[in-house]
Amino acid sequence: MKQKLASLAIAGLTAVALSACSGAPTKTAEAPKAPAVADKPMLTEAAQQALAKADADVKLANAHFALWTTAESALKSAQEAAKAGESDAVIKHAKFVSDQVARGIAQLSYPSTEPK
């Protein structure tokens, strides 16, 4: 009797497990979508170079602990303009970044204002 009860329990659990697995949705393979290049305007070469220079300038200023928040904000604005494909705005913000970084690094050579 115990053996028959155990066999029925195993059969029942197996049936429940198999029915749960058969009802699971299967994922079908989809063809990879091509990137939407035509939808996004491209940056000019000058804008790409200006953005790369601004990024390098910010890293340099950050390494010297001379990064001004205005330069950091302008870099974010340049990156957002790059995502939108606005080359003129990228160049404008990138030039501002480079100017602010140059001033921040130059400030390191100024005399200290701390009282002695």
PDB file of N, CA and C in Angstrom:
ATOM      1  N   MET A   1       0.814  -1.183   0.000  1.00  0.00           N
ATOM      2  CA  MET A   1       0.000   0.000   0.000  1.00  0.00           C
ATOM      3  C   MET A   1       0.868   1.261   0.000  1.00  0.00           C
ATOM      4  N   LYS A   2       1.909   1.261   0.819  1.00  0.00           N
ATOM      5  CA  LYS A   2       2.788   2.425   0.891  1.00  0.00           C
ATOM      6  C   LYS A   2       3.499   2.650  -0.449  1.00  0.00           C
ATOM      7  N   GLN A   3       3.867   1.520  -1.104  1.00  0.00           N
ATOM      8  CA  GLN A   3       4.565   1.622  -2.372  1.00  0.00           C
ATOM      9  C   GLN A   3       3.624   2.192  -3.438  1.00  0.00           C
ATOM     10  N   LYS A   4       2.364   1.791  -3.409  1.00  0.00           N
ATOM     11  CA  LYS A   4       1.388   2.281  -4.372  1.00  0.00           C
ATOM     12  C   LYS A   4       1.129   3.775  -4.155  1.00  0.00           C
ATOM     13  N   LEU A   5       1.067   4.200  -2.897  1.00  0.00           N
ATOM     14  CA  LEU A   5       0.854   5.599  -2.568  1.00  0.00           C
ATOM     15  C   LEU A   5       2.054   6.455  -3.009  1.00  0.00           C
ATOM     16  N   ALA A   6       3.244   5.938  -2.804  1.00  0.00           N
ATOM     17  CA  ALA A   6       4.445   6.655  -3.226  1.00  0.00           C
ATOM     18  C   ALA A   6       4.495   6.774  -4.737  1.00  0.00           C
ATOM     19  N   SER A   7       4.115   5.717  -5.453  1.00  0.00           N
ATOM     20  CA  SER A   7       4.111   5.736  -6.918  1.00  0.00           C
ATOM     21  C   SER A   7       3.108   6.752  -7.434  1.00  0.00           C
ATOM     22  N   LEU A   8       1.935   6.820  -6.807  1.00  0.00           N
ATOM     23  CA  LEU A   8       0.930   7.802  -7.207  1.00  0.00           C
ATOM     24  C   LEU A   8       1.399   9.236  -6.924  1.00  0.00           C
ATOM     25  N   ALA A   9       2.066   9.435  -5.805  1.00  0.00           N
ATOM     26  CA  ALA A   9       2.577  10.769  -5.459  1.00  0.00           C
ATOM     27  C   ALA A   9       3.629  11.217  -6.458  1.00  0.00           C
ATOM     28  N   ILE A  10       4.528  10.303  -6.820  1.00  0.00           N
ATOM     29  CA  ILE A  10       5.581  10.636  -7.792  1.00  0.00           C
ATOM     30  C   ILE A  10       4.963  10.923  -9.148  1.00  0.00           C
ATOM     31  N   ALA A  11       3.984  10.104  -9.541  1.00  0.00           N
ATOM     32  CA  ALA A  11       3.326  10.315 -10.833  1.00  0.00           C
ATOM     33  C   ALA A  11       2.596  11.656 -10.846  1.00  0.00           C
ATOM     34  N   GLY A  12       1.951  11.974  -9.745  1.00  0.00           N
ATOM     35  CA  GLY A  12       1.229  13.243  -9.657  1.00  0.00           C
ATOM     36  C   GLY A  12       2.159  14.441  -9.723  1.00  0.00           C
ATOM     37  N   LEU A  13       3.266  14.385  -8.994  1.00  0.00           N
ATOM     38  CA  LEU A  13       4.240  15.489  -9.019  1.00  0.00           C
ATOM     39  C   LEU A  13       4.879  15.638 -10.391  1.00  0.00           C
ATOM     40  N   THR A  14       5.151  14.520 -11.038  1.00  0.00           N
ATOM     41  CA  THR A  14       5.725  14.563 -12.377  1.00  0.00           C
ATOM     42  C   THR A  14       4.742  15.200 -13.351  1.00  0.00           C
ATOM     43  N   ALA A  15       3.471  14.841 -13.245  1.00  0.00           N
ATOM     44  CA  ALA A  15       2.455  15.411 -14.133  1.00  0.00           C
ATOM     45  C   ALA A  15       2.324  16.917 -13.917  1.00  0.00           C
ATOM     46  N   VAL A  16       2.355  17.346 -12.655  1.00  0.00           N
ATOM     47  CA  VAL A  16       2.260  18.776 -12.359  1.00  0.00           C
ATOM     48  C   VAL A  16       3.473  19.517 -12.917  1.00  0.00           C
ATOM     49  N   ALA A  17       4.649  18.934 -12.726  1.00  0.00           N
ATOM     50  CA  ALA A  17       5.875  19.582 -13.204  1.00  0.00           C
ATOM     51  C   ALA A  17       5.886  19.672 -14.720  1.00  0.00           C
ATOM     52  N   LEU A  18       5.474  18.620 -15.399  1.00  0.00           N
ATOM     53  CA  LEU A  18       5.464  18.633 -16.860  1.00  0.00           C
ATOM     54  C   LEU A  18       4.412  19.586 -17.410  1.00  0.00           C
ATOM     55  N   SER A  19       3.276  19.670 -16.759  1.00  0.00           N
ATOM     56  CA  SER A  19       2.246  20.585 -17.249  1.00  0.00           C
ATOM     57  C   SER A  19       2.669  22.034 -17.043  1.00  0.00           C
ATOM     58  N   ALA A  20       3.402  22.307 -15.987  1.00  0.00           N
ATOM     59  CA  ALA A  20       3.884  23.670 -15.756  1.00  0.00           C
ATOM     60  C   ALA A  20       4.922  24.052 -16.799  1.00  0.00           C
ATOM     61  N   CYS A  21       5.767  23.123 -17.181  1.00  0.00           N
ATOM     62  CA  CYS A  21       6.809  23.407 -18.171  1.00  0.00           C
ATOM     63  C   CYS A  21       6.229  23.573 -19.562  1.00  0.00           C
ATOM     64  N   SER A  22       5.177  22.812 -19.878  1.00  0.00           N
ATOM     65  CA  SER A  22       4.622  22.889 -21.228  1.00  0.00           C
ATOM     66  C   SER A  22       3.869  24.194 -21.449  1.00  0.00           C
ATOM     67  N   GLY A  23       3.411  24.818 -20.392  1.00  0.00           N
ATOM     68  CA  GLY A  23       2.669  26.055 -20.529  1.00  0.00           C
ATOM     69  C   GLY A  23       3.551  27.285 -20.567  1.00  0.00           C
ATOM     70  N   ALA A  24       4.849  27.120 -20.346  1.00  0.00           N
ATOM     71  CA  ALA A  24       5.748  28.273 -20.338  1.00  0.00           C
ATOM     72  C   ALA A  24       5.919  28.805 -21.757  1.00  0.00           C
ATOM     73  N   PRO A  25       5.896  30.123 -21.918  1.00  0.00           N
ATOM     74  CA  PRO A  25       6.058  30.680 -23.263  1.00  0.00           C
ATOM     75  C   PRO A  25       7.480  30.436 -23.765  1.00  0.00           C
ATOM     76  N   THR A  26       7.569  30.193 -25.048  1.00  0.00           N
ATOM     77  CA  THR A  26       8.894  30.011 -25.646  1.00  0.00           C
ATOM     78  C   THR A  26       9.282  31.287 -26.353  1.00  0.00           C
ATOM     79  N   LYS A  27      10.530  31.616 -26.298  1.00  0.00           N
ATOM     80  CA  LYS A  27      11.019  32.843 -26.913  1.00  0.00           C
ATOM     81  C   LYS A  27      11.459  32.526 -28.331  1.00  0.00           C
ATOM     82  N   THR A  28      10.932  33.263 -29.254  1.00  0.00           N
ATOM     83  CA  THR A  28      11.316  33.059 -30.640  1.00  0.00           C
ATOM     84  C   THR A  28      12.448  34.011 -30.978  1.00  0.00           C
ATOM     85  N   ALA A  29      13.310  33.563 -31.826  1.00  0.00           N
ATOM     86  CA  ALA A  29      14.442  34.393 -32.217  1.00  0.00           C
ATOM     87  C   ALA A  29      13.969  35.467 -33.187  1.00  0.00           C
ATOM     88  N   GLU A  30      14.385  36.686 -32.921  1.00  0.00           N
ATOM     89  CA  GLU A  30      14.036  37.799 -33.794  1.00  0.00           C
ATOM     90  C   GLU A  30      15.267  38.218 -34.563  1.00  0.00           C
ATOM     91  N   ALA A  31      15.044  38.719 -35.720  1.00  0.00           N
ATOM     92  CA  ALA A  31      16.161  39.219 -36.518  1.00  0.00           C
ATOM     93  C   ALA A  31      16.683  40.486 -35.858  1.00  0.00           C
ATOM     94  N   PRO A  32      18.003  40.649 -35.777  1.00  0.00           N
ATOM     95  CA  PRO A  32      18.538  41.868 -35.175  1.00  0.00           C
ATOM     96  C   PRO A  32      18.153  43.085 -36.001  1.00  0.00           C
ATOM     97  N   LYS A  33      17.835  44.137 -35.296  1.00  0.00           N
ATOM     98  CA  LYS A  33      17.418  45.364 -35.967  1.00  0.00           C
ATOM     99  C   LYS A  33      18.645  46.162 -36.379  1.00  0.00           C
ATOM    100  N   ALA A  34      18.575  46.720 -37.537  1.00  0.00           N
ATOM    101  CA  ALA A  34      19.674  47.555 -38.033  1.00  0.00           C
ATOM    102  C   ALA A  34      19.643  48.878 -37.289  1.00  0.00           C
ATOM    103  N   PRO A  35      20.808  49.420 -36.943  1.00  0.00           N
ATOM    104  CA  PRO A  35      20.831  50.715 -36.256  1.00  0.00           C
ATOM    105  C   PRO A  35      20.254  51.799 -37.161  1.00  0.00           C
ATOM    106  N   ALA A  36      19.538  52.697 -36.536  1.00  0.00           N
ATOM    107  CA  ALA A  36      18.893  53.771 -37.287  1.00  0.00           C
ATOM    108  C   ALA A  36      19.891  54.896 -37.526  1.00  0.00           C
ATOM    109  N   VAL A  37      20.709  54.727 -38.527  1.00  0.00           N
ATOM    110  CA  VAL A  37      21.726  55.725 -38.835  1.00  0.00           C
ATOM    111  C   VAL A  37      21.094  56.925 -39.515  1.00  0.00           C
ATOM    112  N   ALA A  38      20.122  56.684 -40.344  1.00  0.00           N
ATOM    113  CA  ALA A  38      19.512  57.769 -41.098  1.00  0.00           C
ATOM    114  C   ALA A  38      18.703  58.697 -40.189  1.00  0.00           C
ATOM    115  N   ASP A  39      18.213  58.164 -39.064  1.00  0.00           N
ATOM    116  CA  ASP A  39      17.407  58.978 -38.163  1.00  0.00           C
ATOM    117  C   ASP A  39      18.235  59.994 -37.391  1.00  0.00           C
ATOM    118  N   LYS A  40      19.474  59.687 -37.139  1.00  0.00           N
ATOM    119  CA  LYS A  40      20.316  60.511 -36.287  1.00  0.00           C
ATOM    120  C   LYS A  40      21.278  61.335 -37.131  1.00  0.00           C
ATOM    121  N   PRO A  41      21.243  62.660 -37.018  1.00  0.00           N
ATOM    122  CA  PRO A  41      22.174  63.475 -37.794  1.00  0.00           C
ATOM    123  C   PRO A  41      23.610  63.272 -37.302  1.00  0.00           C
ATOM    124  N   MET A  42      24.520  63.288 -38.217  1.00  0.00           N
ATOM    125  CA  MET A  42      25.926  63.056 -37.892  1.00  0.00           C
ATOM    126  C   MET A  42      26.612  64.380 -37.538  1.00  0.00           C
ATOM    127  N   LEU A  43      27.605  64.279 -36.675  1.00  0.00           N
ATOM    128  CA  LEU A  43      28.402  65.451 -36.309  1.00  0.00           C
ATOM    129  C   LEU A  43      29.463  65.687 -37.365  1.00  0.00           C
ATOM    130  N   THR A  44      29.844  66.927 -37.511  1.00  0.00           N
ATOM    131  CA  THR A  44      30.941  67.235 -38.424  1.00  0.00           C
ATOM    132  C   THR A  44      32.252  66.794 -37.790  1.00  0.00           C
ATOM    133  N   GLU A  45      33.267  66.694 -38.617  1.00  0.00           N
ATOM    134  CA  GLU A  45      34.589  66.288 -38.124  1.00  0.00           C
ATOM    135  C   GLU A  45      35.107  67.288 -37.086  1.00  0.00           C
ATOM    136  N   ALA A  46      34.871  68.570 -37.327  1.00  0.00           N
ATOM    137  CA  ALA A  46      35.324  69.609 -36.388  1.00  0.00           C
ATOM    138  C   ALA A  46      34.623  69.459 -35.036  1.00  0.00           C
ATOM    139  N   ALA A  47      33.342  69.126 -35.060  1.00  0.00           N
ATOM    140  CA  ALA A  47      32.600  68.953 -33.810  1.00  0.00           C
ATOM    141  C   ALA A  47      33.093  67.729 -33.052  1.00  0.00           C
ATOM    142  N   GLN A  48      33.385  66.651 -33.762  1.00  0.00           N
ATOM    143  CA  GLN A  48      33.904  65.447 -33.113  1.00  0.00           C
ATOM    144  C   GLN A  48      35.260  65.722 -32.473  1.00  0.00           C
ATOM    145  N   GLN A  49      36.112  66.447 -33.180  1.00  0.00           N
ATOM    146  CA  GLN A  49      37.430  66.777 -32.628  1.00  0.00           C
ATOM    147  C   GLN A  49      37.309  67.703 -31.426  1.00  0.00           C
ATOM    148  N   ALA A  50      36.422  68.674 -31.505  1.00  0.00           N
ATOM    149  CA  ALA A  50      36.239  69.602 -30.389  1.00  0.00           C
ATOM    150  C   ALA A  50      35.721  68.869 -29.153  1.00  0.00           C
ATOM    151  N   LEU A  51      34.813  67.935 -29.361  1.00  0.00           N
ATOM    152  CA  LEU A  51      34.272  67.164 -28.238  1.00  0.00           C
ATOM    153  C   LEU A  51      35.349  66.274 -27.622  1.00  0.00           C
ATOM    154  N   ALA A  52      36.170  65.666 -28.467  1.00  0.00           N
ATOM    155  CA  ALA A  52      37.256  64.817 -27.959  1.00  0.00           C
ATOM    156  C   ALA A  52      38.270  65.647 -27.176  1.00  0.00           C
ATOM    157  N   LYS A  53      38.586  66.846 -27.670  1.00  0.00           N
ATOM    158  CA  LYS A  53      39.533  67.728 -26.973  1.00  0.00           C
ATOM    159  C   LYS A  53      38.948  68.184 -25.639  1.00  0.00           C
ATOM    160  N   ALA A  54      37.676  68.527 -25.632  1.00  0.00           N
ATOM    161  CA  ALA A  54      37.032  68.965 -24.392  1.00  0.00           C
ATOM    162  C   ALA A  54      37.032  67.842 -23.360  1.00  0.00           C
ATOM    163  N   ASP A  55      36.766  66.641 -23.801  1.00  0.00           N
ATOM    164  CA  ASP A  55      36.774  65.492 -22.890  1.00  0.00           C
ATOM    165  C   ASP A  55      38.173  65.275 -22.317  1.00  0.00           C
ATOM    166  N   ALA A  56      39.190  65.369 -23.163  1.00  0.00           N
ATOM    167  CA  ALA A  56      40.569  65.204 -22.692  1.00  0.00           C
ATOM    168  C   ALA A  56      40.963  66.333 -21.740  1.00  0.00           C
ATOM    169  N   ASP A  57      40.518  67.550 -22.038  1.00  0.00           N
ATOM    170  CA  ASP A  57      40.824  68.692 -21.169  1.00  0.00           C
ATOM    171  C   ASP A  57      40.209  68.510 -19.782  1.00  0.00           C
ATOM    172  N   VAL A  58      38.981  68.022 -19.744  1.00  0.00           N
ATOM    173  CA  VAL A  58      38.315  67.806 -18.452  1.00  0.00           C
ATOM    174  C   VAL A  58      39.055  66.737 -17.650  1.00  0.00           C
ATOM    175  N   LYS A  59      39.498  65.687 -18.317  1.00  0.00           N
ATOM    176  CA  LYS A  59      40.254  64.639 -17.615  1.00  0.00           C
ATOM    177  C   LYS A  59      41.567  65.201 -17.068  1.00  0.00           C
ATOM    178  N   LEU A  60      42.229  66.070 -17.844  1.00  0.00           N
ATOM    179  CA  LEU A  60      43.473  66.695 -17.390  1.00  0.00           C
ATOM    180  C   LEU A  60      43.225  67.578 -16.170  1.00  0.00           C
ATOM    181  N   ALA A  61      42.196  68.406 -16.250  1.00  0.00           N
ATOM    182  CA  ALA A  61      41.879  69.298 -15.129  1.00  0.00           C
ATOM    183  C   ALA A  61      41.488  68.500 -13.895  1.00  0.00           C
ATOM    184  N   ASN A  62      40.763  67.430 -14.091  1.00  0.00           N
ATOM    185  CA  ASN A  62      40.357  66.592 -12.969  1.00  0.00           C
ATOM    186  C   ASN A  62      41.577  65.937 -12.321  1.00  0.00           C
ATOM    187  N   ALA A  63      42.550  65.550 -13.118  1.00  0.00           N
ATOM    188  CA  ALA A  63      43.772  64.937 -12.584  1.00  0.00           C
ATOM    189  C   ALA A  63      44.589  65.939 -11.764  1.00  0.00           C
ATOM    190  N   HIS A  64      44.483  67.224 -12.111  1.00  0.00           N
ATOM    191  CA  HIS A  64      45.217  68.272 -11.375  1.00  0.00           C
ATOM    192  C   HIS A  64      44.365  68.915 -10.279  1.00  0.00           C
ATOM    193  N   PHE A  65      43.177  68.380 -10.057  1.00  0.00           N
ATOM    194  CA  PHE A  65      42.237  68.935  -9.071  1.00  0.00           C
ATOM    195  C   PHE A  65      41.945  70.403  -9.376  1.00  0.00           C
ATOM    196  N   ALA A  66      41.780  70.706 -10.667  1.00  0.00           N
ATOM    197  CA  ALA A  66      41.526  72.074 -11.096  1.00  0.00           C
ATOM    198  C   ALA A  66      40.283  72.161 -11.974  1.00  0.00           C
ATOM    199  N   LEU A  67      39.389  71.204 -11.846  1.00  0.00           N
ATOM    200  CA  LEU A  67      38.193  71.195 -12.691  1.00  0.00           C
ATOM    201  C   LEU A  67      37.133  72.107 -12.101  1.00  0.00           C
ATOM    202  N   TRP A  68      36.747  73.080 -12.882  1.00  0.00           N
ATOM    203  CA  TRP A  68      35.693  73.985 -12.466  1.00  0.00           C
ATOM    204  C   TRP A  68      34.346  73.380 -12.814  1.00  0.00           C
ATOM    205  N   THR A  69      33.335  73.685 -12.019  1.00  0.00           N
ATOM    206  CA  THR A  69      32.002  73.131 -12.272  1.00  0.00           C
ATOM    207  C   THR A  69      31.420  73.665 -13.579  1.00  0.00           C
ATOM    208  N   THR A  70      31.812  74.867 -13.972  1.00  0.00           N
ATOM    209  CA  THR A  70      31.313  75.414 -15.236  1.00  0.00           C
ATOM    210  C   THR A  70      31.827  74.590 -16.419  1.00  0.00           C
ATOM    211  N   ALA A  71      33.059  74.125 -16.330  1.00  0.00           N
ATOM    212  CA  ALA A  71      33.615  73.292 -17.398  1.00  0.00           C
ATOM    213  C   ALA A  71      32.916  71.944 -17.433  1.00  0.00           C
ATOM    214  N   GLU A  72      32.654  71.399 -16.277  1.00  0.00           N
ATOM    215  CA  GLU A  72      31.973  70.105 -16.198  1.00  0.00           C
ATOM    216  C   GLU A  72      30.558  70.200 -16.769  1.00  0.00           C
ATOM    217  N   SER A  73      29.854  71.270 -16.437  1.00  0.00           N
ATOM    218  CA  SER A  73      28.493  71.466 -16.953  1.00  0.00           C
ATOM    219  C   SER A  73      28.498  71.681 -18.463  1.00  0.00           C
ATOM    220  N   ALA A  74      29.465  72.435 -18.934  1.00  0.00           N
ATOM    221  CA  ALA A  74      29.553  72.688 -20.375  1.00  0.00           C
ATOM    222  C   ALA A  74      29.874  71.413 -21.143  1.00  0.00           C
ATOM    223  N   LEU A  75      30.679  70.531 -20.555  1.00  0.00           N
ATOM    224  CA  LEU A  75      30.970  69.249 -21.204  1.00  0.00           C
ATOM    225  C   LEU A  75      29.694  68.416 -21.320  1.00  0.00           C
ATOM    226  N   LYS A  76      28.884  68.407 -20.280  1.00  0.00           N
ATOM    227  CA  LYS A  76      27.613  67.674 -20.341  1.00  0.00           C
ATOM    228  C   LYS A  76      26.708  68.265 -21.418  1.00  0.00           C
ATOM    229  N   SER A  77      26.697  69.587 -21.533  1.00  0.00           N
ATOM    230  CA  SER A  77      25.897  70.234 -22.571  1.00  0.00           C
ATOM    231  C   SER A  77      26.406  69.872 -23.960  1.00  0.00           C
ATOM    232  N   ALA A  78      27.721  69.810 -24.114  1.00  0.00           N
ATOM    233  CA  ALA A  78      28.306  69.433 -25.403  1.00  0.00           C
ATOM    234  C   ALA A  78      27.964  67.992 -25.754  1.00  0.00           C
ATOM    235  N   GLN A  79      27.985  67.115 -24.766  1.00  0.00           N
ATOM    236  CA  GLN A  79      27.643  65.711 -25.013  1.00  0.00           C
ATOM    237  C   GLN A  79      26.170  65.559 -25.388  1.00  0.00           C
ATOM    238  N   GLU A  80      25.302  66.331 -24.756  1.00  0.00           N
ATOM    239  CA  GLU A  80      23.883  66.288 -25.100  1.00  0.00           C
ATOM    240  C   GLU A  80      23.659  66.819 -26.507  1.00  0.00           C
ATOM    241  N   ALA A  81      24.371  67.875 -26.873  1.00  0.00           N
ATOM    242  CA  ALA A  81      24.256  68.417 -28.218  1.00  0.00           C
ATOM    243  C   ALA A  81      24.779  67.412 -29.245  1.00  0.00           C
ATOM    244  N   ALA A  82      25.799  66.660 -28.871  1.00  0.00           N
ATOM    245  CA  ALA A  82      26.328  65.641 -29.774  1.00  0.00           C
ATOM    246  C   ALA A  82      25.301  64.538 -29.998  1.00  0.00           C
ATOM    247  N   LYS A  83      24.581  64.154 -28.957  1.00  0.00           N
ATOM    248  CA  LYS A  83      23.541  63.133 -29.109  1.00  0.00           C
ATOM    249  C   LYS A  83      22.433  63.626 -30.038  1.00  0.00           C
ATOM    250  N   ALA A  84      22.169  64.921 -29.997  1.00  0.00           N
ATOM    251  CA  ALA A  84      21.138  65.508 -30.845  1.00  0.00           C
ATOM    252  C   ALA A  84      21.661  65.805 -32.250  1.00  0.00           C
ATOM    253  N   GLY A  85      22.977  65.702 -32.439  1.00  0.00           N
ATOM    254  CA  GLY A  85      23.560  65.946 -33.756  1.00  0.00           C
ATOM    255  C   GLY A  85      23.740  67.418 -34.086  1.00  0.00           C
ATOM    256  N   GLU A  86      23.824  68.257 -33.085  1.00  0.00           N
ATOM    257  CA  GLU A  86      23.964  69.705 -33.287  1.00  0.00           C
ATOM    258  C   GLU A  86      25.447  70.088 -33.239  1.00  0.00           C
ATOM    259  N   SER A  87      26.083  70.089 -34.393  1.00  0.00           N
ATOM    260  CA  SER A  87      27.526  70.321 -34.469  1.00  0.00           C
ATOM    261  C   SER A  87      27.930  71.705 -33.970  1.00  0.00           C
ATOM    262  N   ASP A  88      27.158  72.727 -34.328  1.00  0.00           N
ATOM    263  CA  ASP A  88      27.508  74.093 -33.909  1.00  0.00           C
ATOM    264  C   ASP A  88      27.466  74.229 -32.389  1.00  0.00           C
ATOM    265  N   ALA A  89      26.471  73.644 -31.763  1.00  0.00           N
ATOM    266  CA  ALA A  89      26.357  73.709 -30.307  1.00  0.00           C
ATOM    267  C   ALA A  89      27.480  72.923 -29.643  1.00  0.00           C
ATOM    268  N   VAL A  90      27.852  71.799 -30.231  1.00  0.00           N
ATOM    269  CA  VAL A  90      28.952  71.004 -29.686  1.00  0.00           C
ATOM    270  C   VAL A  90      30.238  71.821 -29.698  1.00  0.00           C
ATOM    271  N   ILE A  91      30.510  72.467 -30.803  1.00  0.00           N
ATOM    272  CA  ILE A  91      31.738  73.268 -30.921  1.00  0.00           C
ATOM    273  C   ILE A  91      31.715  74.420 -29.925  1.00  0.00           C
ATOM    274  N   LYS A  92      30.574  75.089 -29.800  1.00  0.00           N
ATOM    275  CA  LYS A  92      30.452  76.228 -28.870  1.00  0.00           C
ATOM    276  C   LYS A  92      30.720  75.787 -27.430  1.00  0.00           C
ATOM    277  N   HIS A  93      30.065  74.711 -27.007  1.00  0.00           N
ATOM    278  CA  HIS A  93      30.242  74.239 -25.630  1.00  0.00           C
ATOM    279  C   HIS A  93      31.653  73.688 -25.408  1.00  0.00           C
ATOM    280  N   ALA A  94      32.193  73.009 -26.386  1.00  0.00           N
ATOM    281  CA  ALA A  94      33.533  72.428 -26.254  1.00  0.00           C
ATOM    282  C   ALA A  94      34.592  73.518 -26.125  1.00  0.00           C
ATOM    283  N   LYS A  95      34.448  74.594 -26.869  1.00  0.00           N
ATOM    284  CA  LYS A  95      35.402  75.711 -26.747  1.00  0.00           C
ATOM    285  C   LYS A  95      35.314  76.330 -25.350  1.00  0.00           C
ATOM    286  N   PHE A  96      34.103  76.447 -24.837  1.00  0.00           N
ATOM    287  CA  PHE A  96      33.934  76.987 -23.490  1.00  0.00           C
ATOM    288  C   PHE A  96      34.587  76.073 -22.457  1.00  0.00           C
ATOM    289  N   VAL A  97      34.439  74.762 -22.650  1.00  0.00           N
ATOM    290  CA  VAL A  97      35.069  73.793 -21.747  1.00  0.00           C
ATOM    291  C   VAL A  97      36.580  73.991 -21.752  1.00  0.00           C
ATOM    292  N   SER A  98      37.175  74.055 -22.938  1.00  0.00           N
ATOM    293  CA  SER A  98      38.625  74.193 -23.041  1.00  0.00           C
ATOM    294  C   SER A  98      39.106  75.496 -22.408  1.00  0.00           C
ATOM    295  N   ASP A  99      38.341  76.572 -22.595  1.00  0.00           N
ATOM    296  CA  ASP A  99      38.700  77.856 -21.989  1.00  0.00           C
ATOM    297  C   ASP A  99      38.642  77.777 -20.461  1.00  0.00           C
ATOM    298  N   GLN A 100      37.595  77.180 -19.931  1.00  0.00           N
ATOM    299  CA  GLN A 100      37.457  77.069 -18.481  1.00  0.00           C
ATOM    300  C   GLN A 100      38.527  76.170 -17.870  1.00  0.00           C
ATOM    301  N   VAL A 101      38.886  75.106 -18.586  1.00  0.00           N
ATOM    302  CA  VAL A 101      39.940  74.213 -18.094  1.00  0.00           C
ATOM    303  C   VAL A 101      41.277  74.949 -18.076  1.00  0.00           C
ATOM    304  N   ALA A 102      41.564  75.715 -19.124  1.00  0.00           N
ATOM    305  CA  ALA A 102      42.821  76.472 -19.170  1.00  0.00           C
ATOM    306  C   ALA A 102      42.898  77.458 -18.006  1.00  0.00           C
ATOM    307  N   ARG A 103      41.787  78.111 -17.719  1.00  0.00           N
ATOM    308  CA  ARG A 103      41.767  79.061 -16.604  1.00  0.00           C
ATOM    309  C   ARG A 103      41.911  78.349 -15.257  1.00  0.00           C
ATOM    310  N   GLY A 104      41.280  77.190 -15.127  1.00  0.00           N
ATOM    311  CA  GLY A 104      41.378  76.429 -13.881  1.00  0.00           C
ATOM    312  C   GLY A 104      42.791  75.946 -13.618  1.00  0.00           C
ATOM    313  N   ILE A 105      43.471  75.491 -14.659  1.00  0.00           N
ATOM    314  CA  ILE A 105      44.853  75.037 -14.498  1.00  0.00           C
ATOM    315  C   ILE A 105      45.775  76.220 -14.235  1.00  0.00           C
ATOM    316  N   ALA A 106      45.507  77.355 -14.881  1.00  0.00           N
ATOM    317  CA  ALA A 106      46.315  78.548 -14.635  1.00  0.00           C
ATOM    318  C   ALA A 106      46.141  79.032 -13.201  1.00  0.00           C
ATOM    319  N   GLN A 107      44.985  78.821 -12.636  1.00  0.00           N
ATOM    320  CA  GLN A 107      44.715  79.260 -11.269  1.00  0.00           C
ATOM    321  C   GLN A 107      45.611  78.540 -10.262  1.00  0.00           C
ATOM    322  N   LEU A 108      46.097  77.382 -10.616  1.00  0.00           N
ATOM    323  CA  LEU A 108      46.983  76.642  -9.710  1.00  0.00           C
ATOM    324  C   LEU A 108      48.272  77.404  -9.422  1.00  0.00           C
ATOM    325  N   SER A 109      48.691  78.255 -10.346  1.00  0.00           N
ATOM    326  CA  SER A 109      49.938  78.997 -10.144  1.00  0.00           C
ATOM    327  C   SER A 109      49.724  80.318  -9.393  1.00  0.00           C
ATOM    328  N   TYR A 110      48.488  80.656  -9.095  1.00  0.00           N
ATOM    329  CA  TYR A 110      48.220  81.875  -8.345  1.00  0.00           C
ATOM    330  C   TYR A 110      48.683  81.722  -6.899  1.00  0.00           C
ATOM    331  N   PRO A 111      49.042  82.826  -6.250  1.00  0.00           N
ATOM    332  CA  PRO A 111      49.442  82.719  -4.835  1.00  0.00           C
ATOM    333  C   PRO A 111      48.270  82.326  -3.960  1.00  0.00           C
ATOM    334  N   SER A 112      48.569  81.661  -2.895  1.00  0.00           N
ATOM    335  CA  SER A 112      47.540  81.197  -1.966  1.00  0.00           C
ATOM    336  C   SER A 112      46.905  82.369  -1.236  1.00  0.00           C
ATOM    337  N   THR A 113      45.639  82.244  -0.936  1.00  0.00           N
ATOM    338  CA  THR A 113      44.932  83.292  -0.179  1.00  0.00           C
ATOM    339  C   THR A 113      44.718  82.878   1.278  1.00  0.00           C
ATOM    340  N   GLU A 114      45.254  81.722   1.639  1.00  0.00           N
ATOM    341  CA  GLU A 114      45.112  81.260   3.019  1.00  0.00           C
ATOM    342  C   GLU A 114      45.989  82.092   3.944  1.00  0.00           C
ATOM    343  N   PRO A 115      45.460  82.492   5.099  1.00  0.00           N
ATOM    344  CA  PRO A 115      46.289  83.242   6.049  1.00  0.00           C
ATOM    345  C   PRO A 115      47.379  82.334   6.614  1.00  0.00           C
ATOM    346  N   LYS A 116      48.524  82.962   6.845  1.00  0.00           N
ATOM    347  CA  LYS A 116      49.673  82.184   7.343  1.00  0.00           C
ATOM    348  C   LYS A 116      49.817  82.323   8.829  1.00  0.00           C
TER     349      LYS A 116
END
